[in-house]
Amino acid sequence: MYYVYVLKSLKDRKLYIGHTGDLVKRFQEHNTGLVKSTKKRIPFQLLYYEACNILNDAVKREKSFKTGFGRAYLKRRLSDI
């Protein structure tokens, strides 16, 4: 399985959207500072994730979340944004 996930930084309250094959491991990497792009924004809260059978589908979904329409969808879907 491949996962598309949305994290919220508890430091600056901004979102991070990504995809991975191992959600638990990737979430731990984000929160321990092993991911360069999010290192200065820890700690993170996992707000949302979706599972996909095909990697390409997860990548497409991640890209869609990063558009204006995708962010609007997340805002409607999640009350904590």
Protein backbone atom coordinates (compact mmCIF):
# COMPACT_ATOMS: atom_id res chain seq x y z
CA MET A 1 0.00 0.00 0.00
CA TYR A 2 1.01 3.60 -0.60
CA TYR A 3 -0.20 6.45 1.54
CA VAL A 4 -0.87 10.13 0.94
CA TYR A 5 -0.67 12.01 4.21
CA VAL A 6 -1.23 15.46 5.64
CA LEU A 7 0.78 16.64 8.62
CA LYS A 8 0.26 19.79 10.64
CA SER A 9 3.21 21.44 12.33
CA LEU A 10 2.43 22.22 15.95
CA LYS A 11 5.15 24.86 15.80
CA ASP A 12 3.99 27.04 12.89
CA ARG A 13 0.51 25.48 12.27
CA LYS A 14 1.30 24.93 8.55
CA LEU A 15 0.52 21.78 6.59
CA TYR A 16 2.90 19.33 4.95
CA ILE A 17 1.58 16.94 2.29
CA GLY A 18 3.50 13.88 1.13
CA HIS A 19 3.32 10.23 0.10
CA THR A 20 5.08 7.10 1.32
CA GLY A 21 5.03 3.32 1.34
CA ASP A 22 5.43 3.11 5.15
CA LEU A 23 3.31 5.70 6.93
CA VAL A 24 4.41 4.89 10.49
CA LYS A 25 8.12 5.04 9.64
CA ARG A 26 7.74 8.26 7.62
CA PHE A 27 5.77 9.96 10.39
CA GLN A 28 8.52 9.07 12.87
CA GLU A 29 11.15 10.42 10.47
CA HIS A 30 9.30 13.74 10.28
CA ASN A 31 8.96 14.02 14.05
CA THR A 32 12.58 13.12 14.81
CA GLY A 33 14.03 15.65 12.38
CA LEU A 34 15.30 13.17 9.79
CA VAL A 35 13.45 14.91 6.93
CA LYS A 36 15.38 17.96 5.79
CA SER A 37 12.36 19.90 4.51
CA THR A 38 10.44 19.63 7.80
CA LYS A 39 13.29 19.48 10.30
CA LYS A 40 12.78 23.02 11.65
CA ARG A 41 9.00 22.63 12.00
CA ILE A 42 8.72 19.67 14.41
CA PRO A 43 6.64 18.37 16.14
CA PHE A 44 3.93 17.24 13.72
CA GLN A 45 0.43 15.89 14.10
CA LEU A 46 -0.95 13.45 11.53
CA LEU A 47 -4.23 14.99 10.37
CA TYR A 48 -5.25 12.82 7.44
CA TYR A 49 -4.16 9.97 5.21
CA GLU A 50 -5.48 7.93 2.31
CA ALA A 51 -4.32 4.51 1.15
CA CYS A 52 -3.74 3.64 -2.52
CA ASN A 53 -2.84 0.34 -4.17
CA ILE A 54 -0.79 1.96 -6.92
CA LEU A 55 2.11 4.37 -6.37
CA ASN A 56 1.12 6.55 -9.31
CA ASP A 57 -2.34 7.06 -7.78
CA ALA A 58 -0.78 8.22 -4.51
CA VAL A 59 1.49 10.66 -6.34
CA LYS A 60 -1.45 12.07 -8.31
CA ARG A 61 -3.51 12.45 -5.12
CA GLU A 62 -0.62 14.22 -3.38
CA LYS A 63 -0.32 16.66 -6.28
CA SER A 64 -4.06 17.28 -6.21
CA PHE A 65 -3.93 18.14 -2.49
CA LYS A 66 -1.28 20.75 -3.25
CA THR A 67 -3.59 22.70 -5.58
CA GLY A 68 -6.12 25.32 -4.52
CA PHE A 69 -8.97 22.86 -5.03
CA GLY A 70 -7.16 20.18 -3.04
CA ARG A 71 -6.49 22.50 -0.12
CA ALA A 72 -10.15 23.59 -0.19
CA TYR A 73 -11.17 19.91 -0.09
CA LEU A 74 -8.95 19.31 2.93
CA LYS A 75 -10.30 22.41 4.65
CA ARG A 76 -13.87 21.17 4.16
CA ARG A 77 -12.95 17.62 5.18
CA LEU A 78 -10.92 18.45 8.28
CA SER A 79 -12.03 20.68 11.12
CA ASP A 80 -8.51 21.15 12.55
CA ILE A 81 -7.03 23.18 9.66
